[in-house]
Amino acid sequence: SKEFLNTLQEIATQQKALLIIDEVMTSRLAYNGLHTTYGLKPDI
C-alpha cells in the first residue's frame, strides 16, 4: 500500500537507515521500476 511504503521511506530517513528496494521481479511492472509509481526514493 502507498501508506505502508511511504512509512518505510519515512522510517529510513528518521533512523538514518538505507531503504533498499528489491526490484528483481517488479522492475518489469513499470518502465523505470515499480517504486517510481509510488514516488519512492530508495538509497539502493
PDB file of all heavy atoms in Angstrom:
ATOM      1  N   SER A   1       0.849  -1.187   0.000  1.00  0.00           N
ATOM      2  CA  SER A   1       0.000   0.000   0.000  1.00  0.00           C
ATOM      3  C   SER A   1       0.888   1.242   0.000  1.00  0.00           C
ATOM      4  O   SER A   1       2.031   1.214   0.466  1.00  0.00           O
ATOM      5  CB  SER A   1      -0.913   0.013   1.228  1.00  0.00           C
ATOM      6  OG  SER A   1      -0.159   0.244   2.408  1.00  0.00           O
ATOM      7  N   LYS A   2       0.359   2.340  -0.503  1.00  0.00           N
ATOM      8  CA  LYS A   2       1.123   3.589  -0.525  1.00  0.00           C
ATOM      9  C   LYS A   2       1.477   4.029   0.887  1.00  0.00           C
ATOM     10  O   LYS A   2       2.592   4.504   1.143  1.00  0.00           O
ATOM     11  CB  LYS A   2       0.328   4.677  -1.251  1.00  0.00           C
ATOM     12  CG  LYS A   2       0.259   4.494  -2.760  1.00  0.00           C
ATOM     13  CD  LYS A   2      -0.393   5.681  -3.438  1.00  0.00           C
ATOM     14  CE  LYS A   2      -0.378   5.499  -4.947  1.00  0.00           C
ATOM     15  NZ  LYS A   2      -0.981   6.665  -5.655  1.00  0.00           N
ATOM     16  N   GLU A   3       0.521   3.874   1.807  1.00  0.00           N
ATOM     17  CA  GLU A   3       0.778   4.274   3.187  1.00  0.00           C
ATOM     18  C   GLU A   3       1.929   3.471   3.782  1.00  0.00           C
ATOM     19  O   GLU A   3       2.816   4.023   4.450  1.00  0.00           O
ATOM     20  CB  GLU A   3      -0.482   4.085   4.039  1.00  0.00           C
ATOM     21  CG  GLU A   3      -0.304   4.545   5.475  1.00  0.00           C
ATOM     22  CD  GLU A   3      -1.502   4.236   6.358  1.00  0.00           C
ATOM     23  OE1 GLU A   3      -2.414   3.511   5.907  1.00  0.00           O
ATOM     24  OE2 GLU A   3      -1.512   4.716   7.515  1.00  0.00           O
ATOM     25  N   PHE A   4       1.939   2.170   3.523  1.00  0.00           N
ATOM     26  CA  PHE A   4       2.982   1.302   4.068  1.00  0.00           C
ATOM     27  C   PHE A   4       4.351   1.655   3.494  1.00  0.00           C
ATOM     28  O   PHE A   4       5.322   1.843   4.242  1.00  0.00           O
ATOM     29  CB  PHE A   4       2.637  -0.155   3.757  1.00  0.00           C
ATOM     30  CG  PHE A   4       3.705  -1.142   4.145  1.00  0.00           C
ATOM     31  CD1 PHE A   4       3.990  -1.396   5.481  1.00  0.00           C
ATOM     32  CD2 PHE A   4       4.420  -1.822   3.174  1.00  0.00           C
ATOM     33  CE1 PHE A   4       4.970  -2.306   5.844  1.00  0.00           C
ATOM     34  CE2 PHE A   4       5.402  -2.730   3.519  1.00  0.00           C
ATOM     35  CZ  PHE A   4       5.685  -2.972   4.853  1.00  0.00           C
ATOM     36  N   LEU A   5       4.442   1.777   2.179  1.00  0.00           N
ATOM     37  CA  LEU A   5       5.727   2.042   1.542  1.00  0.00           C
ATOM     38  C   LEU A   5       6.247   3.431   1.872  1.00  0.00           C
ATOM     39  O   LEU A   5       7.446   3.622   2.098  1.00  0.00           O
ATOM     40  CB  LEU A   5       5.605   1.839   0.034  1.00  0.00           C
ATOM     41  CG  LEU A   5       5.309   0.392  -0.380  1.00  0.00           C
ATOM     42  CD1 LEU A   5       4.935   0.316  -1.854  1.00  0.00           C
ATOM     43  CD2 LEU A   5       6.498  -0.509  -0.089  1.00  0.00           C
ATOM     44  N   ASN A   6       5.351   4.411   1.927  1.00  0.00           N
ATOM     45  CA  ASN A   6       5.774   5.757   2.313  1.00  0.00           C
ATOM     46  C   ASN A   6       6.226   5.793   3.769  1.00  0.00           C
ATOM     47  O   ASN A   6       7.141   6.538   4.127  1.00  0.00           O
ATOM     48  CB  ASN A   6       4.639   6.764   2.089  1.00  0.00           C
ATOM     49  CG  ASN A   6       4.416   7.056   0.618  1.00  0.00           C
ATOM     50  OD1 ASN A   6       5.348   6.988  -0.189  1.00  0.00           O
ATOM     51  ND2 ASN A   6       3.190   7.378   0.250  1.00  0.00           N
ATOM     52  N   THR A   7       5.599   4.966   4.607  1.00  0.00           N
ATOM     53  CA  THR A   7       6.023   4.863   6.004  1.00  0.00           C
ATOM     54  C   THR A   7       7.444   4.322   6.099  1.00  0.00           C
ATOM     55  O   THR A   7       8.254   4.799   6.905  1.00  0.00           O
ATOM     56  CB  THR A   7       5.059   3.963   6.806  1.00  0.00           C
ATOM     57  OG1 THR A   7       3.763   4.557   6.844  1.00  0.00           O
ATOM     58  CG2 THR A   7       5.559   3.748   8.229  1.00  0.00           C
ATOM     59  N   LEU A   8       7.767   3.332   5.272  1.00  0.00           N
ATOM     60  CA  LEU A   8       9.125   2.782   5.261  1.00  0.00           C
ATOM     61  C   LEU A   8      10.136   3.840   4.845  1.00  0.00           C
ATOM     62  O   LEU A   8      11.247   3.905   5.397  1.00  0.00           O
ATOM     63  CB  LEU A   8       9.203   1.572   4.329  1.00  0.00           C
ATOM     64  CG  LEU A   8       8.344   0.360   4.690  1.00  0.00           C
ATOM     65  CD1 LEU A   8       8.630  -0.790   3.736  1.00  0.00           C
ATOM     66  CD2 LEU A   8       8.580  -0.073   6.131  1.00  0.00           C
ATOM     67  N   GLN A   9       9.750   4.674   3.866  1.00  0.00           N
ATOM     68  CA  GLN A   9      10.634   5.768   3.445  1.00  0.00           C
ATOM     69  C   GLN A   9      10.890   6.720   4.620  1.00  0.00           C
ATOM     70  O   GLN A   9      12.029   7.138   4.868  1.00  0.00           O
ATOM     71  CB  GLN A   9       9.989   6.527   2.285  1.00  0.00           C
ATOM     72  CG  GLN A   9      10.821   7.689   1.744  1.00  0.00           C
ATOM     73  CD  GLN A   9      11.753   7.263   0.630  1.00  0.00           C
ATOM     74  OE1 GLN A   9      11.321   6.970  -0.476  1.00  0.00           O
ATOM     75  NE2 GLN A   9      13.044   7.221   0.915  1.00  0.00           N
ATOM     76  N   GLU A  10       9.819   7.045   5.343  1.00  0.00           N
ATOM     77  CA  GLU A  10       9.938   7.957   6.484  1.00  0.00           C
ATOM     78  C   GLU A  10      10.790   7.347   7.599  1.00  0.00           C
ATOM     79  O   GLU A  10      11.627   8.029   8.193  1.00  0.00           O
ATOM     80  CB  GLU A  10       8.545   8.305   7.010  1.00  0.00           C
ATOM     81  CG  GLU A  10       7.698   9.124   6.039  1.00  0.00           C
ATOM     82  CD  GLU A  10       6.243   9.210   6.478  1.00  0.00           C
ATOM     83  OE1 GLU A  10       5.918   8.667   7.569  1.00  0.00           O
ATOM     84  OE2 GLU A  10       5.435   9.805   5.739  1.00  0.00           O
ATOM     85  N   ILE A  11      10.570   6.063   7.870  1.00  0.00           N
ATOM     86  CA  ILE A  11      11.334   5.390   8.921  1.00  0.00           C
ATOM     87  C   ILE A  11      12.819   5.382   8.581  1.00  0.00           C
ATOM     88  O   ILE A  11      13.675   5.650   9.439  1.00  0.00           O
ATOM     89  CB  ILE A  11      10.815   3.957   9.137  1.00  0.00           C
ATOM     90  CG1 ILE A  11       9.437   3.977   9.793  1.00  0.00           C
ATOM     91  CG2 ILE A  11      11.794   3.148   9.992  1.00  0.00           C
ATOM     92  CD1 ILE A  11       8.791   2.610   9.905  1.00  0.00           C
ATOM     93  N   ALA A  12      13.134   5.079   7.320  1.00  0.00           N
ATOM     94  CA  ALA A  12      14.528   5.040   6.899  1.00  0.00           C
ATOM     95  C   ALA A  12      15.191   6.399   7.106  1.00  0.00           C
ATOM     96  O   ALA A  12      16.330   6.486   7.589  1.00  0.00           O
ATOM     97  CB  ALA A  12      14.621   4.620   5.439  1.00  0.00           C
ATOM     98  N   THR A  13      14.477   7.458   6.761  1.00  0.00           N
ATOM     99  CA  THR A  13      15.014   8.808   6.935  1.00  0.00           C
ATOM    100  C   THR A  13      15.221   9.127   8.415  1.00  0.00           C
ATOM    101  O   THR A  13      16.283   9.628   8.815  1.00  0.00           O
ATOM    102  CB  THR A  13      14.062   9.845   6.308  1.00  0.00           C
ATOM    103  OG1 THR A  13      13.909   9.562   4.904  1.00  0.00           O
ATOM    104  CG2 THR A  13      14.616  11.258   6.478  1.00  0.00           C
ATOM    105  N   GLN A  14      14.207   8.822   9.223  1.00  0.00           N
ATOM    106  CA  GLN A  14      14.281   9.120  10.656  1.00  0.00           C
ATOM    107  C   GLN A  14      15.389   8.333  11.346  1.00  0.00           C
ATOM    108  O   GLN A  14      16.088   8.843  12.219  1.00  0.00           O
ATOM    109  CB  GLN A  14      12.938   8.814  11.314  1.00  0.00           C
ATOM    110  CG  GLN A  14      11.793   9.719  10.869  1.00  0.00           C
ATOM    111  CD  GLN A  14      10.429   9.174  11.272  1.00  0.00           C
ATOM    112  OE1 GLN A  14      10.326   8.098  11.865  1.00  0.00           O
ATOM    113  NE2 GLN A  14       9.379   9.910  10.942  1.00  0.00           N
ATOM    114  N   GLN A  15      15.548   7.062  10.943  1.00  0.00           N
ATOM    115  CA  GLN A  15      16.509   6.183  11.597  1.00  0.00           C
ATOM    116  C   GLN A  15      17.908   6.274  10.978  1.00  0.00           C
ATOM    117  O   GLN A  15      18.837   5.602  11.438  1.00  0.00           O
ATOM    118  CB  GLN A  15      16.023   4.726  11.506  1.00  0.00           C
ATOM    119  CG  GLN A  15      14.719   4.459  12.231  1.00  0.00           C
ATOM    120  CD  GLN A  15      14.899   4.438  13.732  1.00  0.00           C
ATOM    121  OE1 GLN A  15      15.913   3.989  14.250  1.00  0.00           O
ATOM    122  NE2 GLN A  15      13.905   4.939  14.457  1.00  0.00           N
ATOM    123  N   LYS A  16      18.040   7.089   9.931  1.00  0.00           N
ATOM    124  CA  LYS A  16      19.300   7.179   9.179  1.00  0.00           C
ATOM    125  C   LYS A  16      19.749   5.791   8.724  1.00  0.00           C
ATOM    126  O   LYS A  16      20.919   5.415   8.821  1.00  0.00           O
ATOM    127  CB  LYS A  16      20.373   7.866  10.024  1.00  0.00           C
ATOM    128  CG  LYS A  16      20.050   9.324  10.339  1.00  0.00           C
ATOM    129  CD  LYS A  16      21.159  10.003  11.125  1.00  0.00           C
ATOM    130  CE  LYS A  16      20.799  11.460  11.398  1.00  0.00           C
ATOM    131  NZ  LYS A  16      21.836  12.163  12.194  1.00  0.00           N
ATOM    132  N   ALA A  17      18.746   5.044   8.239  1.00  0.00           N
ATOM    133  CA  ALA A  17      18.975   3.716   7.671  1.00  0.00           C
ATOM    134  C   ALA A  17      18.829   3.812   6.157  1.00  0.00           C
ATOM    135  O   ALA A  17      18.282   4.787   5.633  1.00  0.00           O
ATOM    136  CB  ALA A  17      17.963   2.720   8.240  1.00  0.00           C
ATOM    137  N   LEU A  18      19.308   2.811   5.446  1.00  0.00           N
ATOM    138  CA  LEU A  18      19.182   2.807   3.994  1.00  0.00           C
ATOM    139  C   LEU A  18      17.915   2.051   3.593  1.00  0.00           C
ATOM    140  O   LEU A  18      17.630   0.971   4.115  1.00  0.00           O
ATOM    141  CB  LEU A  18      20.394   2.148   3.338  1.00  0.00           C
ATOM    142  CG  LEU A  18      21.758   2.807   3.566  1.00  0.00           C
ATOM    143  CD1 LEU A  18      22.792   2.205   2.628  1.00  0.00           C
ATOM    144  CD2 LEU A  18      21.691   4.314   3.376  1.00  0.00           C
ATOM    145  N   LEU A  19      17.156   2.629   2.682  1.00  0.00           N
ATOM    146  CA  LEU A  19      15.988   1.957   2.121  1.00  0.00           C
ATOM    147  C   LEU A  19      16.427   1.227   0.859  1.00  0.00           C
ATOM    148  O   LEU A  19      16.835   1.854  -0.127  1.00  0.00           O
ATOM    149  CB  LEU A  19      14.893   2.968   1.788  1.00  0.00           C
ATOM    150  CG  LEU A  19      13.622   2.389   1.137  1.00  0.00           C
ATOM    151  CD1 LEU A  19      12.953   1.373   2.065  1.00  0.00           C
ATOM    152  CD2 LEU A  19      12.651   3.503   0.755  1.00  0.00           C
ATOM    153  N   ILE A  20      16.372  -0.102   0.906  1.00  0.00           N
ATOM    154  CA  ILE A  20      16.753  -0.934  -0.239  1.00  0.00           C
ATOM    155  C   ILE A  20      15.485  -1.501  -0.857  1.00  0.00           C
ATOM    156  O   ILE A  20      14.752  -2.253  -0.215  1.00  0.00           O
ATOM    157  CB  ILE A  20      17.680  -2.094   0.187  1.00  0.00           C
ATOM    158  CG1 ILE A  20      18.909  -1.552   0.917  1.00  0.00           C
ATOM    159  CG2 ILE A  20      18.092  -2.908  -1.031  1.00  0.00           C
ATOM    160  CD1 ILE A  20      19.784  -2.644   1.519  1.00  0.00           C
ATOM    161  N   ILE A  21      15.203  -1.125  -2.091  1.00  0.00           N
ATOM    162  CA  ILE A  21      14.044  -1.651  -2.815  1.00  0.00           C
ATOM    163  C   ILE A  21      14.498  -2.779  -3.718  1.00  0.00           C
ATOM    164  O   ILE A  21      15.354  -2.587  -4.593  1.00  0.00           O
ATOM    165  CB  ILE A  21      13.355  -0.559  -3.656  1.00  0.00           C
ATOM    166  CG1 ILE A  21      12.865   0.591  -2.777  1.00  0.00           C
ATOM    167  CG2 ILE A  21      12.201  -1.155  -4.457  1.00  0.00           C
ATOM    168  CD1 ILE A  21      11.713   0.250  -1.873  1.00  0.00           C
ATOM    169  N   ASP A  22      13.940  -3.963  -3.503  1.00  0.00           N
ATOM    170  CA  ASP A  22      14.248  -5.129  -4.339  1.00  0.00           C
ATOM    171  C   ASP A  22      13.317  -5.117  -5.545  1.00  0.00           C
ATOM    172  O   ASP A  22      12.123  -5.386  -5.424  1.00  0.00           O
ATOM    173  CB  ASP A  22      14.068  -6.405  -3.519  1.00  0.00           C
ATOM    174  CG  ASP A  22      14.443  -7.658  -4.292  1.00  0.00           C
ATOM    175  OD1 ASP A  22      14.566  -7.579  -5.537  1.00  0.00           O
ATOM    176  OD2 ASP A  22      14.602  -8.717  -3.663  1.00  0.00           O
ATOM    177  N   GLU A  23      13.885  -4.805  -6.713  1.00  0.00           N
ATOM    178  CA  GLU A  23      13.101  -4.754  -7.956  1.00  0.00           C
ATOM    179  C   GLU A  23      13.478  -5.899  -8.899  1.00  0.00           C
ATOM    180  O   GLU A  23      13.257  -5.809 -10.097  1.00  0.00           O
ATOM    181  CB  GLU A  23      13.318  -3.410  -8.661  1.00  0.00           C
ATOM    182  CG  GLU A  23      12.679  -2.218  -7.968  1.00  0.00           C
ATOM    183  CD  GLU A  23      11.341  -1.813  -8.581  1.00  0.00           C
ATOM    184  OE1 GLU A  23      10.691  -2.678  -9.210  1.00  0.00           O
ATOM    185  OE2 GLU A  23      10.971  -0.642  -8.430  1.00  0.00           O
ATOM    186  N   VAL A  24      14.055  -6.969  -8.351  1.00  0.00           N
ATOM    187  CA  VAL A  24      14.456  -8.088  -9.195  1.00  0.00           C
ATOM    188  C   VAL A  24      13.259  -8.621  -9.997  1.00  0.00           C
ATOM    189  O   VAL A  24      13.365  -8.917 -11.176  1.00  0.00           O
ATOM    190  CB  VAL A  24      15.098  -9.213  -8.354  1.00  0.00           C
ATOM    191  CG1 VAL A  24      15.261 -10.489  -9.172  1.00  0.00           C
ATOM    192  CG2 VAL A  24      16.455  -8.751  -7.831  1.00  0.00           C
ATOM    193  N   MET A  25      12.102  -8.712  -9.354  1.00  0.00           N
ATOM    194  CA  MET A  25      10.895  -9.139 -10.059  1.00  0.00           C
ATOM    195  C   MET A  25      10.092  -7.964 -10.598  1.00  0.00           C
ATOM    196  O   MET A  25       9.571  -8.014 -11.706  1.00  0.00           O
ATOM    197  CB  MET A  25       9.994  -9.963  -9.127  1.00  0.00           C
ATOM    198  CG  MET A  25      10.435 -11.378  -8.903  1.00  0.00           C
ATOM    199  SD  MET A  25       9.131 -12.299  -8.049  1.00  0.00           S
ATOM    200  CE  MET A  25       9.889 -13.914  -7.968  1.00  0.00           C
ATOM    201  N   THR A  26       9.995  -6.896  -9.816  1.00  0.00           N
ATOM    202  CA  THR A  26       8.975  -5.884 -10.085  1.00  0.00           C
ATOM    203  C   THR A  26       9.396  -4.773 -11.038  1.00  0.00           C
ATOM    204  O   THR A  26       8.562  -3.969 -11.439  1.00  0.00           O
ATOM    205  CB  THR A  26       8.505  -5.240  -8.772  1.00  0.00           C
ATOM    206  OG1 THR A  26       9.638  -4.657  -8.104  1.00  0.00           O
ATOM    207  CG2 THR A  26       7.873  -6.278  -7.861  1.00  0.00           C
ATOM    208  N   SER A  27      10.664  -4.705 -11.420  1.00  0.00           N
ATOM    209  CA  SER A  27      11.074  -3.620 -12.322  1.00  0.00           C
ATOM    210  C   SER A  27      10.385  -3.724 -13.678  1.00  0.00           C
ATOM    211  O   SER A  27      10.274  -2.739 -14.402  1.00  0.00           O
ATOM    212  CB  SER A  27      12.597  -3.612 -12.507  1.00  0.00           C
ATOM    213  OG  SER A  27      13.057  -4.847 -12.992  1.00  0.00           O
ATOM    214  N   ARG A  28       9.890  -4.905 -14.024  1.00  0.00           N
ATOM    215  CA  ARG A  28       9.158  -5.089 -15.288  1.00  0.00           C
ATOM    216  C   ARG A  28       7.743  -4.511 -15.226  1.00  0.00           C
ATOM    217  O   ARG A  28       7.036  -4.467 -16.233  1.00  0.00           O
ATOM    218  CB  ARG A  28       9.076  -6.588 -15.610  1.00  0.00           C
ATOM    219  CG  ARG A  28       8.211  -7.268 -14.609  1.00  0.00           C
ATOM    220  CD  ARG A  28       8.044  -8.764 -14.618  1.00  0.00           C
ATOM    221  NE  ARG A  28       8.518  -9.553 -15.685  1.00  0.00           N
ATOM    222  CZ  ARG A  28       7.726 -10.229 -16.536  1.00  0.00           C
ATOM    223  NH1 ARG A  28       6.405 -10.125 -16.421  1.00  0.00           N
ATOM    224  NH2 ARG A  28       8.229 -10.996 -17.471  1.00  0.00           N
ATOM    225  N   LEU A  29       7.302  -4.092 -14.029  1.00  0.00           N
ATOM    226  CA  LEU A  29       5.931  -3.618 -13.856  1.00  0.00           C
ATOM    227  C   LEU A  29       5.780  -2.117 -14.090  1.00  0.00           C
ATOM    228  O   LEU A  29       4.662  -1.590 -14.044  1.00  0.00           O
ATOM    229  CB  LEU A  29       5.421  -3.985 -12.465  1.00  0.00           C
ATOM    230  CG  LEU A  29       5.392  -5.495 -12.173  1.00  0.00           C
ATOM    231  CD1 LEU A  29       4.912  -5.761 -10.750  1.00  0.00           C
ATOM    232  CD2 LEU A  29       4.518  -6.228 -13.179  1.00  0.00           C
ATOM    233  N   ALA A  30       6.876  -1.435 -14.326  1.00  0.00           N
ATOM    234  CA  ALA A  30       6.858  -0.021 -14.712  1.00  0.00           C
ATOM    235  C   ALA A  30       8.170   0.256 -15.423  1.00  0.00           C
ATOM    236  O   ALA A  30       9.203  -0.327 -15.074  1.00  0.00           O
ATOM    237  CB  ALA A  30       6.687   0.890 -13.508  1.00  0.00           C
ATOM    238  N   TYR A  31       8.158   1.133 -16.396  1.00  0.00           N
ATOM    239  CA  TYR A  31       9.328   1.309 -17.262  1.00  0.00           C
ATOM    240  C   TYR A  31      10.569   1.708 -16.471  1.00  0.00           C
ATOM    241  O   TYR A  31      11.678   1.294 -16.798  1.00  0.00           O
ATOM    242  CB  TYR A  31       9.035   2.353 -18.336  1.00  0.00           C
ATOM    243  CG  TYR A  31      10.084   2.387 -19.424  1.00  0.00           C
ATOM    244  CD1 TYR A  31      10.211   1.334 -20.332  1.00  0.00           C
ATOM    245  CD2 TYR A  31      10.969   3.459 -19.536  1.00  0.00           C
ATOM    246  CE1 TYR A  31      11.166   1.349 -21.314  1.00  0.00           C
ATOM    247  CE2 TYR A  31      11.934   3.481 -20.522  1.00  0.00           C
ATOM    248  CZ  TYR A  31      12.033   2.427 -21.414  1.00  0.00           C
ATOM    249  OH  TYR A  31      12.993   2.448 -22.386  1.00  0.00           O
ATOM    250  N   ASN A  32      10.404   2.493 -15.423  1.00  0.00           N
ATOM    251  CA  ASN A  32      11.538   2.914 -14.600  1.00  0.00           C
ATOM    252  C   ASN A  32      11.558   2.233 -13.237  1.00  0.00           C
ATOM    253  O   ASN A  32      12.192   2.723 -12.302  1.00  0.00           O
ATOM    254  CB  ASN A  32      11.511   4.432 -14.421  1.00  0.00           C
ATOM    255  CG  ASN A  32      11.729   5.165 -15.726  1.00  0.00           C
ATOM    256  OD1 ASN A  32      12.682   4.891 -16.440  1.00  0.00           O
ATOM    257  ND2 ASN A  32      10.836   6.078 -16.064  1.00  0.00           N
ATOM    258  N   GLY A  33      10.855   1.108 -13.134  1.00  0.00           N
ATOM    259  CA  GLY A  33      10.789   0.394 -11.865  1.00  0.00           C
ATOM    260  C   GLY A  33       9.514   0.732 -11.123  1.00  0.00           C
ATOM    261  O   GLY A  33       9.051   1.878 -11.137  1.00  0.00           O
ATOM    262  N   LEU A  34       8.944  -0.248 -10.450  1.00  0.00           N
ATOM    263  CA  LEU A  34       7.649  -0.059  -9.796  1.00  0.00           C
ATOM    264  C   LEU A  34       7.715   0.989  -8.684  1.00  0.00           C
ATOM    265  O   LEU A  34       6.730   1.669  -8.415  1.00  0.00           O
ATOM    266  CB  LEU A  34       7.145  -1.397  -9.245  1.00  0.00           C
ATOM    267  CG  LEU A  34       5.706  -1.422  -8.730  1.00  0.00           C
ATOM    268  CD1 LEU A  34       4.718  -0.996  -9.808  1.00  0.00           C
ATOM    269  CD2 LEU A  34       5.337  -2.810  -8.207  1.00  0.00           C
ATOM    270  N   HIS A  35       8.864   1.143  -8.059  1.00  0.00           N
ATOM    271  CA  HIS A  35       8.966   2.108  -6.954  1.00  0.00           C
ATOM    272  C   HIS A  35       8.717   3.540  -7.415  1.00  0.00           C
ATOM    273  O   HIS A  35       8.279   4.383  -6.637  1.00  0.00           O
ATOM    274  CB  HIS A  35      10.336   2.001  -6.265  1.00  0.00           C
ATOM    275  CG  HIS A  35      11.474   2.558  -7.059  1.00  0.00           C
ATOM    276  ND1 HIS A  35      12.177   1.810  -7.986  1.00  0.00           N
ATOM    277  CD2 HIS A  35      12.034   3.789  -7.077  1.00  0.00           C
ATOM    278  CE1 HIS A  35      13.122   2.544  -8.522  1.00  0.00           C
ATOM    279  NE2 HIS A  35      13.065   3.758  -7.987  1.00  0.00           N
ATOM    280  N   THR A  36       8.966   3.818  -8.705  1.00  0.00           N
ATOM    281  CA  THR A  36       8.770   5.185  -9.199  1.00  0.00           C
ATOM    282  C   THR A  36       7.291   5.566  -9.237  1.00  0.00           C
ATOM    283  O   THR A  36       6.965   6.746  -9.153  1.00  0.00           O
ATOM    284  CB  THR A  36       9.375   5.358 -10.603  1.00  0.00           C
ATOM    285  OG1 THR A  36       8.720   4.469 -11.523  1.00  0.00           O
ATOM    286  CG2 THR A  36      10.869   5.049 -10.590  1.00  0.00           C
ATOM    287  N   THR A  37       6.403   4.583  -9.346  1.00  0.00           N
ATOM    288  CA  THR A  37       4.967   4.889  -9.377  1.00  0.00           C
ATOM    289  C   THR A  37       4.471   5.316  -8.003  1.00  0.00           C
ATOM    290  O   THR A  37       3.368   5.849  -7.885  1.00  0.00           O
ATOM    291  CB  THR A  37       4.158   3.669  -9.870  1.00  0.00           C
ATOM    292  OG1 THR A  37       4.277   2.600  -8.922  1.00  0.00           O
ATOM    293  CG2 THR A  37       4.675   3.189 -11.227  1.00  0.00           C
ATOM    294  N   TYR A  38       5.264   5.076  -6.961  1.00  0.00           N
ATOM    295  CA  TYR A  38       4.916   5.477  -5.599  1.00  0.00           C
ATOM    296  C   TYR A  38       5.652   6.746  -5.186  1.00  0.00           C
ATOM    297  O   TYR A  38       5.454   7.248  -4.090  1.00  0.00           O
ATOM    298  CB  TYR A  38       5.262   4.369  -4.604  1.00  0.00           C
ATOM    299  CG  TYR A  38       4.333   3.175  -4.649  1.00  0.00           C
ATOM    300  CD1 TYR A  38       4.479   2.186  -5.611  1.00  0.00           C
ATOM    301  CD2 TYR A  38       3.306   3.031  -3.726  1.00  0.00           C
ATOM    302  CE1 TYR A  38       3.638   1.094  -5.649  1.00  0.00           C
ATOM    303  CE2 TYR A  38       2.463   1.931  -3.748  1.00  0.00           C
ATOM    304  CZ  TYR A  38       2.631   0.965  -4.723  1.00  0.00           C
ATOM    305  OH  TYR A  38       1.797  -0.112  -4.756  1.00  0.00           O
ATOM    306  N   GLY A  39       6.532   7.232  -6.048  1.00  0.00           N
ATOM    307  CA  GLY A  39       7.325   8.401  -5.693  1.00  0.00           C
ATOM    308  C   GLY A  39       8.398   8.102  -4.667  1.00  0.00           C
ATOM    309  O   GLY A  39       8.901   9.016  -3.998  1.00  0.00           O
ATOM    310  N   LEU A  40       8.769   6.833  -4.511  1.00  0.00           N
ATOM    311  CA  LEU A  40       9.790   6.454  -3.536  1.00  0.00           C
ATOM    312  C   LEU A  40      11.183   6.822  -4.038  1.00  0.00           C
ATOM    313  O   LEU A  40      11.437   6.814  -5.250  1.00  0.00           O
ATOM    314  CB  LEU A  40       9.719   4.951  -3.260  1.00  0.00           C
ATOM    315  CG  LEU A  40       8.425   4.427  -2.651  1.00  0.00           C
ATOM    316  CD1 LEU A  40       8.433   2.903  -2.619  1.00  0.00           C
ATOM    317  CD2 LEU A  40       8.212   4.989  -1.248  1.00  0.00           C
ATOM    318  N   LYS A  41      12.077   7.109  -3.109  1.00  0.00           N
ATOM    319  CA  LYS A  41      13.457   7.430  -3.457  1.00  0.00           C
ATOM    320  C   LYS A  41      14.388   6.530  -2.646  1.00  0.00           C
ATOM    321  O   LYS A  41      14.953   6.944  -1.632  1.00  0.00           O
ATOM    322  CB  LYS A  41      13.750   8.901  -3.185  1.00  0.00           C
ATOM    323  CG  LYS A  41      12.962   9.848  -4.092  1.00  0.00           C
ATOM    324  CD  LYS A  41      13.333  11.298  -3.851  1.00  0.00           C
ATOM    325  CE  LYS A  41      12.569  12.213  -4.802  1.00  0.00           C
ATOM    326  NZ  LYS A  41      12.901  13.646  -4.591  1.00  0.00           N
ATOM    327  N   PRO A  42      14.547   5.284  -3.103  1.00  0.00           N
ATOM    328  CA  PRO A  42      15.388   4.342  -2.364  1.00  0.00           C
ATOM    329  C   PRO A  42      16.856   4.755  -2.416  1.00  0.00           C
ATOM    330  O   PRO A  42      17.291   5.451  -3.330  1.00  0.00           O
ATOM    331  CB  PRO A  42      15.153   3.017  -3.095  1.00  0.00           C
ATOM    332  CG  PRO A  42      14.737   3.416  -4.470  1.00  0.00           C
ATOM    333  CD  PRO A  42      13.957   4.686  -4.302  1.00  0.00           C
ATOM    334  N   ASP A  43      17.608   4.294  -1.423  1.00  0.00           N
ATOM    335  CA  ASP A  43      19.048   4.535  -1.405  1.00  0.00           C
ATOM    336  C   ASP A  43      19.772   3.548  -2.309  1.00  0.00           C
ATOM    337  O   ASP A  43      20.795   3.872  -2.910  1.00  0.00           O
ATOM    338  CB  ASP A  43      19.569   4.423   0.031  1.00  0.00           C
ATOM    339  CG  ASP A  43      18.907   5.438   0.943  1.00  0.00           C
ATOM    340  OD1 ASP A  43      19.169   6.640   0.774  1.00  0.00           O
ATOM    341  OD2 ASP A  43      18.111   5.029   1.804  1.00  0.00           O
ATOM    342  N   ILE A  44      19.215   2.321  -2.381  1.00  0.00           N
ATOM    343  CA  ILE A  44      19.778   1.274  -3.237  1.00  0.00           C
ATOM    344  C   ILE A  44      18.623   0.508  -3.880  1.00  0.00           C
ATOM    345  O   ILE A  44      17.591   0.289  -3.261  1.00  0.00           O
ATOM    346  CB  ILE A  44      20.661   0.291  -2.439  1.00  0.00           C
ATOM    347  CG1 ILE A  44      21.846   1.012  -1.788  1.00  0.00           C
ATOM    348  CG2 ILE A  44      21.175  -0.830  -3.332  1.00  0.00           C
ATOM    349  CD1 ILE A  44      22.725   0.107  -0.934  1.00  0.00           C
TER     350      ILE A  44
END
